[in-house]
N, C-alpha and C. Protein backbone atom coordinates (compact mmCIF):
# COMPACT_ATOMS: atom_id res chain seq x y z
N UNK A 1 156.31 204.67 134.72
CA UNK A 1 156.19 206.10 134.46
C UNK A 1 157.55 206.80 134.71
N UNK A 2 158.16 206.43 135.85
CA UNK A 2 159.45 207.03 136.18
C UNK A 2 160.50 206.68 135.13
N UNK A 3 160.47 205.43 134.63
CA UNK A 3 161.42 205.02 133.60
C UNK A 3 161.26 205.85 132.34
N UNK A 4 160.01 206.15 132.01
CA UNK A 4 159.74 206.97 130.82
C UNK A 4 160.31 208.37 130.98
N UNK A 5 160.10 208.95 132.18
CA UNK A 5 160.62 210.29 132.45
C UNK A 5 162.15 210.29 132.39
N UNK A 6 162.77 209.26 132.96
CA UNK A 6 164.23 209.18 132.95
C UNK A 6 164.77 209.06 131.51
N UNK A 7 164.07 208.26 130.70
CA UNK A 7 164.52 208.11 129.32
C UNK A 7 164.36 209.41 128.55
N UNK A 8 163.28 210.11 128.81
CA UNK A 8 163.07 211.40 128.14
C UNK A 8 164.13 212.42 128.56
N UNK A 9 164.44 212.42 129.86
CA UNK A 9 165.47 213.34 130.34
C UNK A 9 166.83 212.99 129.73
N UNK A 10 167.14 211.70 129.67
CA UNK A 10 168.40 211.26 129.08
C UNK A 10 168.46 211.63 127.59
N UNK A 11 167.36 211.43 126.90
CA UNK A 11 167.32 211.76 125.47
C UNK A 11 167.49 213.26 125.26
N UNK A 12 166.89 214.06 126.15
CA UNK A 12 167.02 215.51 126.05
C UNK A 12 168.48 215.94 126.19
N UNK A 13 169.15 215.44 127.24
CA UNK A 13 170.54 215.83 127.47
C UNK A 13 171.47 215.30 126.39
N UNK A 14 171.21 214.07 125.93
CA UNK A 14 172.04 213.53 124.86
C UNK A 14 171.94 214.38 123.60
N UNK A 15 170.72 214.79 123.29
CA UNK A 15 170.50 215.60 122.09
C UNK A 15 171.28 216.90 122.16
N UNK A 16 171.19 217.60 123.31
CA UNK A 16 171.82 218.91 123.43
C UNK A 16 173.34 218.79 123.60
N UNK A 17 173.78 217.76 124.30
CA UNK A 17 175.21 217.57 124.45
C UNK A 17 175.86 217.25 123.11
N UNK A 18 175.20 216.36 122.33
CA UNK A 18 175.73 216.06 121.00
C UNK A 18 175.76 217.31 120.13
N UNK A 19 174.73 218.14 120.23
CA UNK A 19 174.67 219.36 119.41
C UNK A 19 175.83 220.29 119.75
N UNK A 20 176.03 220.57 121.05
CA UNK A 20 177.09 221.47 121.44
C UNK A 20 178.47 220.85 121.21
N UNK A 21 178.54 219.53 121.29
CA UNK A 21 179.81 218.86 121.06
C UNK A 21 180.24 219.01 119.60
N UNK A 22 179.31 218.77 118.68
CA UNK A 22 179.71 218.87 117.27
C UNK A 22 179.88 220.31 116.83
N UNK A 23 179.09 221.23 117.41
CA UNK A 23 179.26 222.64 117.05
C UNK A 23 180.64 223.14 117.50
N UNK A 24 181.00 222.84 118.75
CA UNK A 24 182.30 223.28 119.25
C UNK A 24 183.44 222.61 118.51
N UNK A 25 183.26 221.35 118.13
CA UNK A 25 184.31 220.66 117.38
C UNK A 25 184.46 221.24 115.98
N UNK A 26 183.33 221.60 115.36
CA UNK A 26 183.39 222.18 114.01
C UNK A 26 184.08 223.54 114.04
N UNK A 27 183.76 224.35 115.08
CA UNK A 27 184.36 225.68 115.19
C UNK A 27 185.86 225.59 115.42
N UNK A 28 186.29 224.63 116.23
CA UNK A 28 187.69 224.58 116.64
C UNK A 28 188.54 223.59 115.85
N UNK A 29 187.94 222.83 114.93
CA UNK A 29 188.66 221.74 114.26
C UNK A 29 189.94 222.20 113.56
N UNK A 30 189.82 223.17 112.65
CA UNK A 30 190.97 223.57 111.84
C UNK A 30 192.04 224.22 112.72
N UNK A 31 191.62 225.11 113.61
CA UNK A 31 192.60 225.79 114.45
C UNK A 31 193.21 224.82 115.46
N UNK A 32 192.42 223.87 115.95
CA UNK A 32 192.98 222.86 116.86
C UNK A 32 194.04 222.04 116.15
N UNK A 33 193.80 221.70 114.89
CA UNK A 33 194.81 220.99 114.11
C UNK A 33 196.06 221.85 113.92
N UNK A 34 195.86 223.15 113.61
CA UNK A 34 196.99 224.06 113.45
C UNK A 34 197.80 224.16 114.74
N UNK A 35 197.11 224.33 115.87
CA UNK A 35 197.81 224.48 117.13
C UNK A 35 198.50 223.18 117.55
N UNK A 36 197.96 222.04 117.18
CA UNK A 36 198.61 220.77 117.49
C UNK A 36 199.89 220.62 116.68
N UNK A 37 199.85 220.98 115.40
CA UNK A 37 201.04 220.88 114.55
C UNK A 37 202.11 221.86 115.02
N UNK A 38 201.72 223.10 115.30
CA UNK A 38 202.70 224.09 115.74
C UNK A 38 203.19 223.79 117.15
N UNK A 39 202.37 223.12 117.96
CA UNK A 39 202.86 222.66 119.26
C UNK A 39 204.01 221.68 119.09
N UNK A 40 203.89 220.80 118.10
CA UNK A 40 204.96 219.85 117.80
C UNK A 40 206.20 220.57 117.28
N UNK A 41 206.00 221.51 116.35
CA UNK A 41 207.16 222.21 115.78
C UNK A 41 207.84 223.09 116.83
N UNK A 42 207.09 223.68 117.73
CA UNK A 42 207.69 224.47 118.80
C UNK A 42 208.47 223.59 119.76
N UNK A 43 207.96 222.39 120.02
CA UNK A 43 208.64 221.46 120.92
C UNK A 43 209.97 220.99 120.33
N UNK A 44 210.07 221.03 118.98
CA UNK A 44 211.30 220.58 118.31
C UNK A 44 211.94 221.72 117.53
N UNK A 45 211.77 222.94 118.04
CA UNK A 45 212.26 224.12 117.31
C UNK A 45 213.77 224.07 117.10
N UNK A 46 214.52 223.53 118.07
CA UNK A 46 215.97 223.49 117.94
C UNK A 46 216.43 222.56 116.83
N UNK A 47 215.60 221.59 116.46
CA UNK A 47 215.98 220.63 115.42
C UNK A 47 215.51 221.05 114.03
N UNK A 48 214.66 222.04 113.96
CA UNK A 48 214.13 222.47 112.67
C UNK A 48 214.91 223.70 112.22
N UNK A 49 215.67 223.54 111.18
CA UNK A 49 216.52 224.62 110.71
C UNK A 49 215.69 225.68 109.97
N UNK A 50 216.07 226.91 110.20
CA UNK A 50 215.42 228.02 109.50
C UNK A 50 216.49 228.83 108.77
N UNK A 51 216.10 229.43 107.66
CA UNK A 51 217.02 230.26 106.87
C UNK A 51 216.42 231.66 106.75
N UNK A 52 216.70 232.51 107.74
CA UNK A 52 216.13 233.86 107.70
C UNK A 52 216.58 234.63 106.47
N UNK A 53 215.64 235.38 105.91
CA UNK A 53 215.93 236.24 104.76
C UNK A 53 215.95 237.69 105.24
N UNK A 54 217.08 238.34 105.07
CA UNK A 54 217.27 239.70 105.56
C UNK A 54 217.35 240.67 104.38
N UNK A 55 216.60 241.76 104.47
CA UNK A 55 216.67 242.82 103.47
C UNK A 55 217.02 244.14 104.16
N UNK A 56 217.83 244.95 103.49
CA UNK A 56 218.22 246.24 104.03
C UNK A 56 217.96 247.33 103.00
N UNK A 57 217.46 248.44 103.48
CA UNK A 57 217.20 249.59 102.61
C UNK A 57 217.74 250.84 103.31
N UNK A 58 218.23 251.76 102.53
CA UNK A 58 218.76 253.00 103.09
C UNK A 58 218.22 254.19 102.33
N UNK A 59 218.24 255.31 103.00
CA UNK A 59 217.83 256.58 102.38
C UNK A 59 218.42 257.70 103.24
N UNK A 60 218.26 258.92 102.78
CA UNK A 60 218.75 260.08 103.54
C UNK A 60 217.66 261.15 103.55
N UNK A 61 217.32 261.63 104.73
CA UNK A 61 216.30 262.66 104.84
C UNK A 61 216.79 263.97 104.24
N UNK A 62 215.95 264.65 103.48
CA UNK A 62 216.31 266.01 103.03
C UNK A 62 216.37 266.95 104.23
N UNK A 63 217.01 268.08 104.05
CA UNK A 63 217.23 269.01 105.16
C UNK A 63 215.94 269.43 105.84
N UNK A 64 214.89 269.66 105.04
CA UNK A 64 213.63 270.11 105.64
C UNK A 64 213.05 269.08 106.61
N UNK A 65 213.20 267.79 106.26
CA UNK A 65 212.70 266.74 107.14
C UNK A 65 213.67 266.46 108.28
N UNK A 66 214.96 266.65 108.02
CA UNK A 66 215.96 266.42 109.06
C UNK A 66 215.70 267.35 110.25
N UNK A 67 215.28 268.56 109.97
CA UNK A 67 215.00 269.51 111.05
C UNK A 67 213.88 269.00 111.97
N UNK A 68 212.95 268.22 111.40
CA UNK A 68 211.82 267.73 112.21
C UNK A 68 212.23 266.62 113.17
N UNK A 69 213.28 265.89 112.84
CA UNK A 69 213.76 264.85 113.77
C UNK A 69 214.91 265.35 114.62
N UNK A 70 215.52 266.48 114.24
CA UNK A 70 216.64 267.02 115.00
C UNK A 70 216.17 267.80 116.23
N UNK A 71 214.97 268.34 116.17
CA UNK A 71 214.47 269.13 117.29
C UNK A 71 214.18 268.22 118.49
N UNK A 72 214.29 268.75 119.72
CA UNK A 72 214.04 267.94 120.91
C UNK A 72 212.60 267.42 120.92
N UNK A 73 212.45 266.22 121.47
CA UNK A 73 211.11 265.63 121.54
C UNK A 73 211.01 264.66 122.70
N UNK A 74 209.89 264.01 122.82
CA UNK A 74 209.68 263.05 123.89
C UNK A 74 210.57 261.83 123.67
N UNK A 75 210.81 261.09 124.75
CA UNK A 75 211.64 259.89 124.66
C UNK A 75 210.97 258.81 123.81
N UNK A 76 209.64 258.79 123.79
CA UNK A 76 208.91 257.82 122.99
C UNK A 76 207.75 258.52 122.31
N UNK A 77 207.81 258.60 120.98
CA UNK A 77 206.77 259.30 120.23
C UNK A 77 206.84 258.87 118.77
N UNK A 78 205.71 258.94 118.06
CA UNK A 78 205.73 258.61 116.63
C UNK A 78 206.54 259.64 115.84
N UNK A 79 206.96 259.23 114.66
CA UNK A 79 207.65 260.15 113.77
C UNK A 79 206.66 261.16 113.19
N UNK A 80 207.12 262.35 112.85
CA UNK A 80 206.23 263.32 112.18
C UNK A 80 205.70 262.76 110.87
N UNK A 81 204.49 263.15 110.51
CA UNK A 81 203.84 262.60 109.32
C UNK A 81 204.66 262.75 108.04
N UNK A 82 205.29 263.91 107.77
CA UNK A 82 206.11 264.01 106.55
C UNK A 82 207.28 263.03 106.54
N UNK A 83 207.89 262.79 107.71
CA UNK A 83 209.00 261.84 107.81
C UNK A 83 208.49 260.43 107.56
N UNK A 84 207.31 260.11 108.12
CA UNK A 84 206.69 258.80 107.90
C UNK A 84 206.48 258.56 106.41
N UNK A 85 205.95 259.57 105.71
CA UNK A 85 205.68 259.44 104.28
C UNK A 85 206.98 259.24 103.50
N UNK A 86 208.02 259.99 103.85
CA UNK A 86 209.30 259.86 103.15
C UNK A 86 209.91 258.48 103.37
N UNK A 87 209.91 258.02 104.61
CA UNK A 87 210.51 256.72 104.93
C UNK A 87 209.76 255.60 104.22
N UNK A 88 208.43 255.67 104.23
CA UNK A 88 207.64 254.64 103.56
C UNK A 88 207.87 254.64 102.05
N UNK A 89 207.96 255.82 101.45
CA UNK A 89 208.14 255.90 100.00
C UNK A 89 209.53 255.45 99.56
N UNK A 90 210.55 255.68 100.40
CA UNK A 90 211.93 255.42 99.97
C UNK A 90 212.51 254.11 100.49
N UNK A 91 211.90 253.54 101.51
CA UNK A 91 212.41 252.27 102.04
C UNK A 91 211.34 251.19 102.12
N UNK A 92 210.06 251.61 102.13
CA UNK A 92 208.97 250.64 102.28
C UNK A 92 208.66 250.30 103.72
N UNK A 93 209.30 250.94 104.69
CA UNK A 93 209.10 250.63 106.10
C UNK A 93 207.73 251.12 106.57
N UNK A 94 206.92 250.26 107.19
CA UNK A 94 205.59 250.65 107.68
C UNK A 94 205.67 251.29 109.07
N UNK A 95 206.09 252.53 109.12
CA UNK A 95 206.31 253.19 110.41
C UNK A 95 205.13 254.06 110.84
N UNK A 96 204.08 254.12 110.05
CA UNK A 96 202.94 254.97 110.38
C UNK A 96 202.28 254.48 111.67
N UNK A 97 202.14 255.38 112.64
CA UNK A 97 201.50 255.05 113.90
C UNK A 97 202.37 254.30 114.89
N UNK A 98 203.62 254.03 114.52
CA UNK A 98 204.54 253.31 115.41
C UNK A 98 205.30 254.31 116.27
N UNK A 99 205.39 254.03 117.55
CA UNK A 99 206.15 254.88 118.44
C UNK A 99 207.64 254.59 118.28
N UNK A 100 208.44 255.64 118.23
CA UNK A 100 209.88 255.50 118.14
C UNK A 100 210.56 255.85 119.45
N UNK A 101 211.72 255.26 119.67
CA UNK A 101 212.54 255.60 120.84
C UNK A 101 213.52 256.69 120.43
N UNK A 102 213.37 257.86 121.03
CA UNK A 102 214.18 259.03 120.66
C UNK A 102 215.33 259.16 121.66
N UNK A 103 216.54 258.95 121.16
CA UNK A 103 217.75 259.20 121.95
C UNK A 103 218.43 260.45 121.43
N UNK A 104 219.58 260.78 122.00
CA UNK A 104 220.27 262.01 121.58
C UNK A 104 220.74 261.95 120.14
N UNK A 105 221.07 260.74 119.65
CA UNK A 105 221.66 260.66 118.32
C UNK A 105 220.80 259.96 117.27
N UNK A 106 219.72 259.29 117.68
CA UNK A 106 218.92 258.59 116.68
C UNK A 106 217.47 258.43 117.15
N UNK A 107 216.62 258.10 116.16
CA UNK A 107 215.26 257.65 116.44
C UNK A 107 215.19 256.20 115.98
N UNK A 108 214.79 255.32 116.89
CA UNK A 108 214.75 253.89 116.58
C UNK A 108 213.30 253.41 116.67
N UNK A 109 212.82 252.80 115.59
CA UNK A 109 211.46 252.28 115.54
C UNK A 109 211.52 250.77 115.37
N UNK A 110 210.99 250.06 116.34
CA UNK A 110 210.97 248.59 116.27
C UNK A 110 209.74 248.13 115.49
N UNK A 111 209.93 247.15 114.59
CA UNK A 111 208.85 246.68 113.73
C UNK A 111 208.72 245.16 113.80
N UNK A 112 208.43 244.62 114.98
CA UNK A 112 208.27 243.17 115.08
C UNK A 112 206.97 242.72 114.43
N UNK A 113 206.95 241.47 113.96
CA UNK A 113 205.75 240.91 113.35
C UNK A 113 205.83 239.39 113.45
N UNK A 114 204.73 238.69 113.25
CA UNK A 114 204.79 237.23 113.29
C UNK A 114 205.72 236.69 112.20
N UNK A 115 206.61 235.80 112.58
CA UNK A 115 207.49 235.18 111.61
C UNK A 115 208.65 236.04 111.16
N UNK A 116 208.85 237.17 111.79
CA UNK A 116 209.94 238.03 111.36
C UNK A 116 210.15 239.19 112.31
N UNK A 117 211.00 240.09 111.87
CA UNK A 117 211.33 241.25 112.69
C UNK A 117 211.75 242.38 111.76
N UNK A 118 211.88 243.55 112.32
CA UNK A 118 212.33 244.68 111.53
C UNK A 118 212.59 245.89 112.41
N UNK A 119 213.30 246.83 111.88
CA UNK A 119 213.57 248.07 112.61
C UNK A 119 213.96 249.17 111.63
N UNK A 120 213.74 250.39 112.08
CA UNK A 120 214.16 251.58 111.33
C UNK A 120 214.97 252.45 112.28
N UNK A 121 216.09 252.92 111.78
CA UNK A 121 216.94 253.83 112.55
C UNK A 121 217.18 255.08 111.73
N UNK A 122 216.96 256.23 112.36
CA UNK A 122 217.20 257.52 111.69
C UNK A 122 218.22 258.30 112.50
N UNK A 123 219.33 258.62 111.88
CA UNK A 123 220.37 259.43 112.53
C UNK A 123 219.88 260.87 112.61
N UNK A 124 219.83 261.41 113.81
CA UNK A 124 219.27 262.74 114.00
C UNK A 124 220.23 263.85 113.59
N UNK A 125 221.48 263.50 113.31
CA UNK A 125 222.45 264.52 112.86
C UNK A 125 222.62 264.50 111.35
N UNK A 126 222.72 263.32 110.77
CA UNK A 126 223.00 263.22 109.33
C UNK A 126 221.74 262.96 108.50
N UNK A 127 220.68 262.44 109.14
CA UNK A 127 219.46 262.11 108.40
C UNK A 127 219.52 260.76 107.72
N UNK A 128 220.57 259.97 107.98
CA UNK A 128 220.67 258.65 107.38
C UNK A 128 219.56 257.74 107.92
N UNK A 129 218.84 257.10 107.00
CA UNK A 129 217.75 256.19 107.35
C UNK A 129 218.17 254.76 107.00
N UNK A 130 218.05 253.88 107.94
CA UNK A 130 218.34 252.46 107.71
C UNK A 130 217.11 251.64 108.09
N UNK A 131 216.74 250.78 107.18
CA UNK A 131 215.58 249.90 107.41
C UNK A 131 216.03 248.46 107.16
N UNK A 132 215.85 247.62 108.15
CA UNK A 132 216.20 246.21 108.02
C UNK A 132 214.99 245.35 108.39
N UNK A 133 214.71 244.36 107.58
CA UNK A 133 213.60 243.45 107.83
C UNK A 133 214.09 242.02 107.71
N UNK A 134 213.62 241.16 108.60
CA UNK A 134 214.01 239.76 108.63
C UNK A 134 212.77 238.89 108.52
N UNK A 135 212.78 237.97 107.56
CA UNK A 135 211.69 237.03 107.36
C UNK A 135 212.21 235.64 107.70
N UNK A 136 211.64 235.01 108.73
CA UNK A 136 212.11 233.69 109.18
C UNK A 136 211.31 232.54 108.56
N UNK A 137 210.39 232.84 107.66
CA UNK A 137 209.68 231.78 106.95
C UNK A 137 208.30 231.50 107.51
N UNK A 138 207.55 230.68 106.75
CA UNK A 138 206.15 230.42 107.09
C UNK A 138 206.01 229.61 108.38
N UNK A 139 207.00 228.73 108.68
CA UNK A 139 206.90 227.94 109.89
C UNK A 139 207.03 228.82 111.13
N UNK A 140 207.96 229.78 111.07
CA UNK A 140 208.09 230.73 112.17
C UNK A 140 206.83 231.58 112.30
N UNK A 141 206.21 231.89 111.16
CA UNK A 141 204.97 232.66 111.17
C UNK A 141 203.87 231.89 111.91
N UNK A 142 203.71 230.60 111.58
CA UNK A 142 202.69 229.78 112.24
C UNK A 142 203.01 229.60 113.72
N UNK A 143 204.29 229.43 114.04
CA UNK A 143 204.68 229.28 115.45
C UNK A 143 204.34 230.54 116.25
N UNK A 144 204.55 231.70 115.64
CA UNK A 144 204.22 232.95 116.33
C UNK A 144 202.72 233.13 116.48
N UNK A 145 201.95 232.63 115.52
CA UNK A 145 200.49 232.64 115.68
C UNK A 145 200.10 231.78 116.88
N UNK A 146 200.76 230.65 117.04
CA UNK A 146 200.49 229.77 118.18
C UNK A 146 200.74 230.50 119.49
N UNK A 147 201.84 231.25 119.55
CA UNK A 147 202.22 231.95 120.78
C UNK A 147 201.51 233.29 120.95
N UNK A 148 200.86 233.76 119.88
CA UNK A 148 200.26 235.10 119.94
C UNK A 148 201.31 236.19 119.96
N UNK A 149 202.48 235.93 119.38
CA UNK A 149 203.60 236.88 119.41
C UNK A 149 203.44 237.93 118.32
N UNK A 150 203.35 239.17 118.74
CA UNK A 150 203.27 240.31 117.81
C UNK A 150 202.11 240.17 116.83
N UNK A 151 200.99 239.64 117.30
CA UNK A 151 199.85 239.38 116.40
C UNK A 151 198.73 240.41 116.55
N UNK A 152 198.79 241.25 117.57
CA UNK A 152 197.76 242.27 117.73
C UNK A 152 196.56 241.78 118.51
N UNK A 153 195.69 242.70 118.90
CA UNK A 153 194.57 242.35 119.78
C UNK A 153 193.51 241.46 119.13
N UNK A 154 193.26 241.59 117.83
CA UNK A 154 192.20 240.81 117.19
C UNK A 154 192.53 239.32 117.25
N UNK A 155 193.79 238.97 116.93
CA UNK A 155 194.18 237.56 117.02
C UNK A 155 194.13 237.06 118.46
N UNK A 156 194.47 237.92 119.41
CA UNK A 156 194.41 237.55 120.82
C UNK A 156 192.97 237.22 121.22
N UNK A 157 192.02 238.04 120.74
CA UNK A 157 190.61 237.76 121.03
C UNK A 157 190.18 236.45 120.38
N UNK A 158 190.66 236.22 119.17
CA UNK A 158 190.32 234.98 118.48
C UNK A 158 190.81 233.76 119.25
N UNK A 159 192.04 233.83 119.80
CA UNK A 159 192.56 232.72 120.59
C UNK A 159 191.68 232.48 121.81
N UNK A 160 191.19 233.56 122.43
CA UNK A 160 190.31 233.40 123.59
C UNK A 160 189.02 232.69 123.20
N UNK A 161 188.44 233.08 122.06
CA UNK A 161 187.20 232.44 121.60
C UNK A 161 187.46 230.98 121.26
N UNK A 162 188.58 230.71 120.59
CA UNK A 162 188.95 229.35 120.25
C UNK A 162 189.15 228.50 121.49
N UNK A 163 189.82 229.06 122.51
CA UNK A 163 190.04 228.33 123.76
C UNK A 163 188.70 228.00 124.43
N UNK A 164 187.76 228.94 124.38
CA UNK A 164 186.44 228.69 124.95
C UNK A 164 185.73 227.56 124.21
N UNK A 165 185.84 227.54 122.86
CA UNK A 165 185.24 226.47 122.07
C UNK A 165 185.86 225.11 122.43
N UNK A 166 187.16 225.08 122.69
CA UNK A 166 187.82 223.84 123.07
C UNK A 166 187.35 223.36 124.44
N UNK A 167 187.12 224.33 125.36
CA UNK A 167 186.60 223.96 126.68
C UNK A 167 185.21 223.35 126.56
N UNK A 168 184.36 223.96 125.73
CA UNK A 168 183.02 223.41 125.51
C UNK A 168 183.12 222.02 124.90
N UNK A 169 184.01 221.86 123.92
CA UNK A 169 184.21 220.56 123.28
C UNK A 169 184.64 219.50 124.29
N UNK A 170 185.62 219.84 125.15
CA UNK A 170 186.10 218.88 126.14
C UNK A 170 185.05 218.59 127.20
N UNK A 171 184.35 219.61 127.68
CA UNK A 171 183.38 219.41 128.75
C UNK A 171 182.17 218.60 128.28
N UNK A 172 181.66 218.91 127.10
CA UNK A 172 180.53 218.13 126.58
C UNK A 172 180.97 216.71 126.26
N UNK A 173 182.21 216.54 125.82
CA UNK A 173 182.72 215.19 125.61
C UNK A 173 182.78 214.41 126.90
N UNK A 174 183.21 215.06 127.99
CA UNK A 174 183.25 214.39 129.30
C UNK A 174 181.85 213.98 129.75
N UNK A 175 180.89 214.86 129.55
CA UNK A 175 179.51 214.52 129.95
C UNK A 175 178.96 213.39 129.10
N UNK A 176 179.29 213.37 127.81
CA UNK A 176 178.87 212.26 126.96
C UNK A 176 179.52 210.95 127.40
N UNK A 177 180.78 211.00 127.80
CA UNK A 177 181.45 209.81 128.33
C UNK A 177 180.72 209.30 129.56
N UNK A 178 180.33 210.24 130.43
CA UNK A 178 179.61 209.85 131.65
C UNK A 178 178.29 209.15 131.32
N UNK A 179 177.58 209.66 130.32
CA UNK A 179 176.28 209.10 129.99
C UNK A 179 176.39 207.75 129.30
N UNK A 180 177.54 207.49 128.66
CA UNK A 180 177.73 206.22 127.97
C UNK A 180 178.63 205.26 128.75
N UNK A 181 179.09 205.68 129.93
CA UNK A 181 180.06 204.88 130.68
C UNK A 181 179.50 203.52 131.09
N UNK A 182 178.19 203.46 131.28
CA UNK A 182 177.59 202.19 131.69
C UNK A 182 177.78 201.08 130.68
N UNK A 183 177.84 201.41 129.40
CA UNK A 183 178.03 200.41 128.35
C UNK A 183 179.49 200.27 127.91
N UNK A 184 180.37 201.10 128.47
CA UNK A 184 181.78 201.07 128.07
C UNK A 184 182.63 201.05 129.33
N UNK A 185 183.03 199.85 129.73
CA UNK A 185 183.70 199.67 131.00
C UNK A 185 185.06 200.35 131.11
N UNK A 186 185.72 200.61 130.00
CA UNK A 186 187.06 201.22 130.03
C UNK A 186 187.01 202.75 130.03
N UNK A 187 185.81 203.33 130.10
CA UNK A 187 185.70 204.79 130.01
C UNK A 187 186.49 205.48 131.10
N UNK A 188 186.18 205.19 132.35
CA UNK A 188 186.82 205.92 133.45
C UNK A 188 188.29 205.54 133.64
N UNK A 189 188.70 204.28 133.44
CA UNK A 189 190.15 204.00 133.47
C UNK A 189 190.93 204.81 132.43
N UNK A 190 190.37 204.97 131.23
CA UNK A 190 191.06 205.75 130.21
C UNK A 190 191.10 207.24 130.57
N UNK A 191 189.99 207.75 131.14
CA UNK A 191 189.97 209.15 131.58
C UNK A 191 190.99 209.36 132.69
N UNK A 192 191.05 208.41 133.62
CA UNK A 192 192.02 208.50 134.72
C UNK A 192 193.45 208.46 134.18
N UNK A 193 193.69 207.61 133.18
CA UNK A 193 195.02 207.54 132.59
C UNK A 193 195.42 208.87 131.99
N UNK A 194 194.48 209.51 131.30
CA UNK A 194 194.77 210.81 130.69
C UNK A 194 195.09 211.88 131.72
N UNK A 195 194.59 211.71 132.95
CA UNK A 195 194.89 212.66 134.02
C UNK A 195 196.18 212.30 134.75
N UNK A 196 196.34 211.01 135.06
CA UNK A 196 197.47 210.57 135.88
C UNK A 196 198.78 210.61 135.11
N UNK A 197 198.76 210.22 133.83
CA UNK A 197 200.01 210.11 133.07
C UNK A 197 200.81 211.41 133.04
N UNK A 198 200.21 212.57 132.66
CA UNK A 198 201.02 213.80 132.66
C UNK A 198 201.49 214.20 134.05
N UNK A 199 200.68 213.91 135.08
CA UNK A 199 201.09 214.24 136.45
C UNK A 199 202.31 213.42 136.86
N UNK A 200 202.28 212.13 136.55
CA UNK A 200 203.41 211.25 136.90
C UNK A 200 204.67 211.67 136.13
N UNK A 201 204.52 211.95 134.84
CA UNK A 201 205.67 212.36 134.03
C UNK A 201 206.27 213.67 134.54
N UNK A 202 205.39 214.61 134.95
CA UNK A 202 205.88 215.89 135.47
C UNK A 202 206.62 215.69 136.78
N UNK A 203 206.09 214.84 137.67
CA UNK A 203 206.72 214.64 138.97
C UNK A 203 208.06 213.90 138.85
N UNK A 204 208.16 212.99 137.90
CA UNK A 204 209.37 212.17 137.80
C UNK A 204 210.44 212.83 136.94
N UNK A 205 210.05 213.41 135.81
CA UNK A 205 211.04 213.83 134.82
C UNK A 205 211.27 215.32 134.73
N UNK A 206 210.41 216.14 135.33
CA UNK A 206 210.58 217.59 135.25
C UNK A 206 211.10 218.09 136.59
N UNK A 207 212.26 218.72 136.55
CA UNK A 207 212.88 219.21 137.79
C UNK A 207 213.28 220.67 137.59
């Protein structure tokens, strides 16, 4: 009777562990592959050449708009809406809702993004507008997704959910290893190797 109960309990846990294991693996499969590849490219970033593409655009604010940036303002504040519309129409710079750094002689708006960078500078005396954008390519874009650099809160939340799915995948895999360890003698030596090897390498080679 006890053997029957034990088998039923084992079958119950195996069923649910397998279910959560494959669900978590399915959810995280593509992104885990992406993060593994970009982990490799980040580790060899110095050996992978990039050819940044830089574009520059210029414009000049009309007098009516120049007055809006010439007046005193906070050290950090968005550009006035009419100035935003003019800059976007004449340079293509996406400055809407972006806070600018207001100094005595210019307003500087930083426009970082995954895989590239950009900035807008407006001279508060002459009204000269300069917009520069740098595109470092798709590999830099993927690397920045890996790091969560300039990706915004939604991608950050996605990484958290993905990390949780990976934890579920690893933990259910460990429990499945435990349940099958009796028939696979190398289970725990291999698990121990996976733990000991990085520790030994860190202690010996990382200073």
